Amino acid sequence: MNSPADFLRFIRFSHTVFALPFALGAMFVAARGLPPLPTFAGILAAMVCARTAAMTFNRLADWEFDRRNPRTENRHRLVGKNVAAAWCLASSAGFILSAWSLNTLCLLLAPVALAIVFFYSLSKRFTNFAHFFLGLALAVAPVGAWIAVTGRLEFPPLVLAASVLLWVAGFDLIYATQDCEVDRREGLHSMVVRLGESGAMRLAVWLHIAALAGLAGFGLASGAGGIYFASLGVIAAALVYEHLEARRGDVASVNRAFFQANAVVGAAFVAGTFFDHFAIA
C-alpha cells in the first residue's frame, strides 16, 4: 500500500513553492493586506486542489513516456494508475467546490482554469511551445487569487500573470535540457529539441529578463512601494545564480538552479508584497 509520502513525491508537492507565492502575493496586494479568513482558506484550498489535479493528470498522460525515461522511470511505482485517476477526479471536484466558496466569477472560471492546467500535459505532443503552456498554467494562480479577493478581473494581475508565464517558461527550458535526448527519441516537442541546449539556455535568459521587467510593471500598476521594488533585487540575484549554475550542465547543477533559485524567487516575491503593504499603510 502506498504511503502519503509516496503520493506527495508522485506529484512533486515540494514544487508548490513555484505557484503558491504568486497567488499569495496577488492576494495580499488585492486585499491591501490579509483578506478575511474564509477567503484565505478558500484560496489555499483551491491552489492545493488545482495543483494536485494538474499533477495527477500529468502523470497519467505521461505514464508510458515516464516509464521509458531514466530520470522518471520510478514514478509509476509510487502510486498506481487507478489511485492517481481517483485523486485527479477528487481534487478537480475539490477545486470546483473551493471556487464556489469564493465567489460567482471564480466558480464560472474554474472549469477554464482546469482546462488550461490539463492542456499543458498534452501540448508537448504537438508544439515546441509546451514550456509556455506550463507558464500559462501557473499564471492562472495569481489571477485567480485576485478575483477571489475582489470578485473582478483587473489590469495588475494580468501583468503579474504575464511575468509568471515568462518566468516559468524560462526555468522549464533549463529543466528540460535534462530530457533533450529522450524527447527526441520519443518524438516529443520542446524548444530544447528545436534550438539545442545552448539555444534554449539563451532564450531562457531573455525570458527571465522580460519576467523581471514584468514584475516591475506589476509593482507600478498596483502602486507598490520601496520594499516591493527592493525584493526585485533579490529576485534578480536569484535568477543570475540560476543561470550561472545551469551553465555547468551537470544534473546536480541544473536541479540546484531549478529548485533553489526559483524557491528564492517565490519567497522574495511573497515577502515583498506582504511587507510592502504594511510599510505603505
Protein backbone atom coordinates (compact mmCIF):
# COMPACT_ATOMS: atom_id res chain seq x y z
CA MET A 1 0.00 0.00 0.00
CA ASN A 2 1.36 3.43 -0.93
CA SER A 3 2.04 5.93 1.83
CA PRO A 4 1.04 9.62 1.85
CA ALA A 5 4.74 10.43 1.44
CA ASP A 6 4.83 8.38 -1.77
CA PHE A 7 1.88 10.33 -3.15
CA LEU A 8 3.48 13.67 -2.28
CA ARG A 9 6.63 12.55 -4.10
CA PHE A 10 4.50 11.38 -7.02
CA ILE A 11 3.01 14.85 -7.53
CA ARG A 12 6.24 16.63 -6.53
CA PHE A 13 4.41 18.52 -3.80
CA SER A 14 7.59 20.43 -2.97
CA HIS A 15 7.21 22.27 -6.29
CA THR A 16 4.17 24.04 -4.88
CA VAL A 17 6.68 26.74 -3.91
CA PHE A 18 6.59 27.91 -7.55
CA ALA A 19 2.91 28.85 -7.99
CA LEU A 20 1.72 29.42 -4.41
CA PRO A 21 3.85 32.52 -3.62
CA PHE A 22 2.46 34.39 -6.62
CA ALA A 23 -1.11 33.54 -5.65
CA LEU A 24 -0.43 34.71 -2.09
CA GLY A 25 1.32 37.87 -3.29
CA ALA A 26 -1.58 38.74 -5.58
CA MET A 27 -3.93 38.09 -2.68
CA PHE A 28 -2.02 40.45 -0.35
CA VAL A 29 -1.97 43.23 -2.96
CA ALA A 30 -5.64 42.82 -3.91
CA ALA A 31 -6.73 42.79 -0.25
CA ARG A 32 -4.25 45.52 0.78
CA GLY A 33 -3.12 43.14 3.49
CA LEU A 34 -4.73 39.98 4.79
CA PRO A 35 -8.14 39.05 3.40
CA PRO A 36 -10.90 37.55 5.57
CA LEU A 37 -10.03 34.08 6.84
CA PRO A 38 -12.64 32.25 4.68
CA THR A 39 -11.18 33.87 1.55
CA PHE A 40 -7.63 32.97 2.59
CA ALA A 41 -8.67 29.38 3.30
CA GLY A 42 -10.57 29.13 0.02
CA ILE A 43 -7.59 30.35 -1.98
CA LEU A 44 -5.26 27.86 -0.28
CA ALA A 45 -7.72 25.00 -0.82
CA ALA A 46 -8.17 25.96 -4.47
CA MET A 47 -4.41 26.12 -5.01
CA VAL A 48 -3.74 22.71 -3.44
CA CYS A 49 -6.63 21.06 -5.29
CA ALA A 50 -5.77 22.60 -8.66
CA ARG A 51 -2.13 21.64 -8.44
CA THR A 52 -2.95 18.09 -7.29
CA ALA A 53 -5.41 17.69 -10.16
CA ALA A 54 -2.88 19.05 -12.66
CA MET A 55 -0.01 16.87 -11.48
CA THR A 56 -2.02 13.65 -11.29
CA PHE A 57 -3.37 14.33 -14.79
CA ASN A 58 0.19 14.98 -15.97
CA ARG A 59 1.39 11.67 -14.51
CA LEU A 60 -1.49 9.79 -16.15
CA ALA A 61 -0.95 11.49 -19.52
CA ASP A 62 2.81 10.82 -19.47
CA TRP A 63 2.67 7.38 -17.83
CA GLU A 64 4.32 5.44 -20.65
CA PHE A 65 6.77 8.22 -21.54
CA ASP A 66 7.90 8.43 -17.91
CA ARG A 67 8.47 4.67 -17.74
CA ARG A 68 10.90 4.95 -20.66
CA ASN A 69 12.76 7.99 -19.30
CA PRO A 70 15.69 7.14 -16.98
CA ARG A 71 15.03 10.31 -14.96
CA THR A 72 11.39 9.40 -14.25
CA GLU A 73 11.25 5.62 -14.65
CA ASN A 74 10.38 5.00 -10.98
CA ARG A 75 7.39 7.38 -10.78
CA HIS A 76 4.80 4.77 -11.67
CA ARG A 77 5.95 2.61 -8.74
CA LEU A 78 4.97 5.29 -6.21
CA VAL A 79 1.24 5.36 -6.98
CA GLY A 80 -0.94 3.10 -9.14
CA LYS A 81 -2.88 4.38 -12.14
CA ASN A 82 -6.29 3.86 -10.55
CA VAL A 83 -5.26 5.72 -7.41
CA ALA A 84 -3.87 8.59 -9.49
CA ALA A 85 -7.09 8.79 -11.53
CA ALA A 86 -9.18 8.85 -8.34
CA TRP A 87 -7.06 11.66 -6.91
CA CYS A 88 -7.35 13.60 -10.16
CA LEU A 89 -11.16 13.42 -10.07
CA ALA A 90 -11.38 14.17 -6.34
CA SER A 91 -9.01 17.13 -6.47
CA SER A 92 -10.78 18.54 -9.55
CA ALA A 93 -14.06 18.39 -7.64
CA GLY A 94 -12.36 19.97 -4.64
CA PHE A 95 -11.13 22.82 -6.81
CA ILE A 96 -14.62 23.50 -8.17
CA LEU A 97 -16.06 23.49 -4.64
CA SER A 98 -13.31 25.82 -3.42
CA ALA A 99 -14.03 28.22 -6.28
CA TRP A 100 -17.76 28.07 -5.48
CA SER A 101 -17.00 29.01 -1.87
CA LEU A 102 -15.14 32.15 -3.00
CA ASN A 103 -17.45 33.97 -5.43
CA THR A 104 -19.51 33.56 -8.60
CA LEU A 105 -16.81 34.66 -11.03
CA CYS A 106 -14.34 32.18 -9.53
CA LEU A 107 -16.89 29.40 -9.97
CA LEU A 108 -17.59 30.36 -13.59
CA LEU A 109 -13.88 30.47 -14.45
CA ALA A 110 -12.92 27.30 -12.55
CA PRO A 111 -13.56 24.90 -15.49
CA VAL A 112 -11.49 27.19 -17.74
CA ALA A 113 -8.63 27.09 -15.23
CA LEU A 114 -8.77 23.28 -15.07
CA ALA A 115 -8.77 23.06 -18.88
CA ILE A 116 -5.65 25.25 -19.01
CA VAL A 117 -3.70 23.28 -16.40
CA PHE A 118 -4.67 19.96 -18.00
CA PHE A 119 -3.85 21.11 -21.53
CA TYR A 120 -0.17 21.62 -20.69
CA SER A 121 0.32 17.88 -20.23
CA LEU A 122 -0.81 17.23 -23.81
CA SER A 123 0.91 20.16 -25.51
CA LYS A 124 4.37 18.60 -25.81
CA ARG A 125 2.90 16.10 -28.26
CA PHE A 126 2.37 18.70 -30.97
CA THR A 127 4.09 22.03 -30.17
CA ASN A 128 7.52 23.31 -29.23
CA PHE A 129 5.84 25.90 -27.00
CA ALA A 130 4.88 23.48 -24.22
CA HIS A 131 7.08 25.48 -21.80
CA PHE A 132 4.85 28.50 -22.36
CA PHE A 133 1.71 26.45 -21.76
CA LEU A 134 3.23 25.37 -18.43
CA GLY A 135 3.82 29.05 -17.71
CA LEU A 136 0.20 29.79 -18.58
CA ALA A 137 -0.95 27.05 -16.21
CA LEU A 138 0.94 28.61 -13.30
CA ALA A 139 -0.04 32.14 -14.37
CA VAL A 140 -3.66 31.25 -13.63
CA ALA A 141 -2.84 31.23 -9.89
CA PRO A 142 -2.30 34.97 -9.24
CA VAL A 143 -5.24 35.93 -11.46
CA GLY A 144 -7.49 33.51 -9.59
CA ALA A 145 -6.34 34.79 -6.21
CA TRP A 146 -7.00 38.39 -7.25
CA ILE A 147 -10.52 37.52 -8.43
CA ALA A 148 -11.12 35.58 -5.22
CA VAL A 149 -10.45 38.74 -3.19
CA THR A 150 -12.05 41.39 -5.41
CA GLY A 151 -14.66 39.49 -7.40
CA ARG A 152 -13.42 41.05 -10.65
CA LEU A 153 -10.59 40.89 -13.16
CA GLU A 154 -8.31 43.92 -13.32
CA PHE A 155 -5.15 45.01 -15.10
CA PRO A 156 -2.45 44.44 -12.41
CA PRO A 157 -2.95 40.67 -12.07
CA LEU A 158 -2.76 40.31 -15.85
CA VAL A 159 0.66 41.98 -15.79
CA LEU A 160 1.72 39.65 -12.99
CA ALA A 161 0.36 36.63 -14.87
CA ALA A 162 2.41 37.55 -17.96
CA SER A 163 5.52 37.81 -15.80
CA VAL A 164 4.86 34.42 -14.17
CA LEU A 165 4.32 32.86 -17.59
CA LEU A 166 7.71 34.12 -18.81
CA TRP A 167 9.49 33.14 -15.60
CA VAL A 168 8.10 29.60 -15.65
CA ALA A 169 8.80 29.12 -19.35
CA GLY A 170 12.39 30.21 -18.70
CA PHE A 171 13.07 27.85 -15.84
CA ASP A 172 11.27 24.98 -17.59
CA LEU A 173 13.62 25.43 -20.56
CA ILE A 174 16.53 24.96 -18.17
CA TYR A 175 14.94 21.90 -16.58
CA ALA A 176 14.04 20.39 -19.96
CA THR A 177 17.68 20.24 -21.00
CA GLN A 178 17.86 17.04 -18.93
CA ASP A 179 15.36 15.33 -21.25
CA CYS A 180 16.54 16.55 -24.64
CA GLU A 181 17.68 13.17 -25.97
CA VAL A 182 14.69 11.33 -24.52
CA ASP A 183 12.28 13.84 -26.07
CA ARG A 184 13.93 13.42 -29.46
CA ARG A 185 13.68 9.64 -29.20
CA GLU A 186 10.02 9.77 -28.15
CA GLY A 187 9.05 12.32 -30.81
CA LEU A 188 8.07 14.90 -28.19
CA HIS A 189 8.35 18.62 -28.87
CA SER A 190 10.20 21.30 -26.94
CA MET A 191 12.26 24.41 -27.57
CA VAL A 192 15.29 22.47 -26.32
CA VAL A 193 14.80 19.91 -29.08
CA ARG A 194 14.30 22.66 -31.66
CA LEU A 195 17.03 25.11 -30.58
CA GLY A 196 19.51 22.78 -28.92
CA GLU A 197 20.62 23.13 -25.32
CA SER A 198 22.72 26.27 -25.79
CA GLY A 199 20.00 28.00 -27.80
CA ALA A 200 17.38 27.11 -25.20
CA MET A 201 19.58 28.46 -22.41
CA ARG A 202 19.99 31.77 -24.25
CA LEU A 203 16.23 32.01 -24.72
CA ALA A 204 15.74 31.33 -21.01
CA VAL A 205 17.95 34.33 -20.16
CA TRP A 206 15.81 36.66 -22.28
CA LEU A 207 12.60 35.24 -20.85
CA HIS A 208 13.81 35.90 -17.32
CA ILE A 209 14.86 39.44 -18.18
CA ALA A 210 11.35 40.04 -19.55
CA ALA A 211 9.82 38.39 -16.47
CA LEU A 212 11.75 40.71 -14.16
CA ALA A 213 10.55 43.70 -16.17
CA GLY A 214 7.02 42.34 -15.82
CA LEU A 215 7.35 42.14 -12.06
CA ALA A 216 8.44 45.77 -12.04
CA GLY A 217 5.42 46.58 -14.21
CA PHE A 218 3.15 44.83 -11.72
CA GLY A 219 4.60 46.94 -8.94
CA LEU A 220 3.91 50.13 -10.90
CA ALA A 221 0.40 49.02 -11.88
CA SER A 222 -0.53 48.11 -8.32
CA GLY A 223 1.04 51.14 -6.61
CA ALA A 224 3.73 49.19 -4.78
CA GLY A 225 6.30 50.86 -2.54
CA GLY A 226 10.01 50.61 -1.89
CA ILE A 227 10.02 47.25 -0.11
CA TYR A 228 8.42 45.53 -3.09
CA PHE A 229 10.91 47.04 -5.54
CA ALA A 230 13.80 46.12 -3.22
CA SER A 231 12.59 42.50 -3.32
CA LEU A 232 13.08 42.57 -7.09
CA GLY A 233 16.80 42.94 -6.45
CA VAL A 234 16.75 39.64 -4.55
CA ILE A 235 14.78 38.05 -7.38
CA ALA A 236 17.26 39.35 -9.97
CA ALA A 237 20.18 37.92 -7.96
CA ALA A 238 18.42 34.54 -7.70
CA LEU A 239 17.86 34.46 -11.46
CA VAL A 240 21.52 35.30 -12.14
CA TYR A 241 22.54 32.45 -9.81
CA GLU A 242 20.13 30.13 -11.60
CA HIS A 243 21.71 30.77 -14.99
CA LEU A 244 25.27 30.63 -13.73
CA GLU A 245 24.57 27.31 -12.01
CA ALA A 246 22.72 25.87 -15.00
CA ARG A 247 25.67 26.69 -17.26
CA ARG A 248 27.65 23.95 -15.51
CA GLY A 249 25.46 21.48 -17.38
CA ASP A 250 25.53 18.57 -14.93
CA VAL A 251 22.31 17.17 -13.44
CA ALA A 252 23.04 18.32 -9.88
CA SER A 253 23.70 21.90 -11.02
CA VAL A 254 20.56 22.01 -13.16
CA ASN A 255 18.48 20.76 -10.23
CA ARG A 256 20.01 23.35 -7.90
CA ALA A 257 19.34 26.05 -10.46
CA PHE A 258 15.79 24.87 -10.92
CA PHE A 259 14.67 24.38 -7.33
CA GLN A 260 16.80 26.56 -5.07
CA ALA A 261 16.87 29.69 -7.21
CA ASN A 262 13.17 29.60 -8.04
CA ALA A 263 12.22 28.93 -4.43
CA VAL A 264 14.07 32.17 -3.56
CA VAL A 265 12.22 33.98 -6.35
CA GLY A 266 8.86 32.95 -4.91
CA ALA A 267 9.84 33.68 -1.31
CA ALA A 268 11.18 37.13 -2.20
CA PHE A 269 8.03 37.99 -4.12
CA VAL A 270 5.60 36.97 -1.40
CA ALA A 271 7.69 38.68 1.30
CA GLY A 272 7.98 41.83 -0.80
CA THR A 273 4.24 42.09 -1.39
CA PHE A 274 3.35 41.29 2.22
CA PHE A 275 5.74 43.67 3.98
CA ASP A 276 5.34 46.38 1.39
CA HIS A 277 1.66 46.72 2.24
CA PHE A 278 2.37 47.35 5.89
CA ALA A 279 5.08 49.86 5.03
CA ILE A 280 2.65 51.77 2.81
CA ALA A 281 -0.14 51.55 5.37
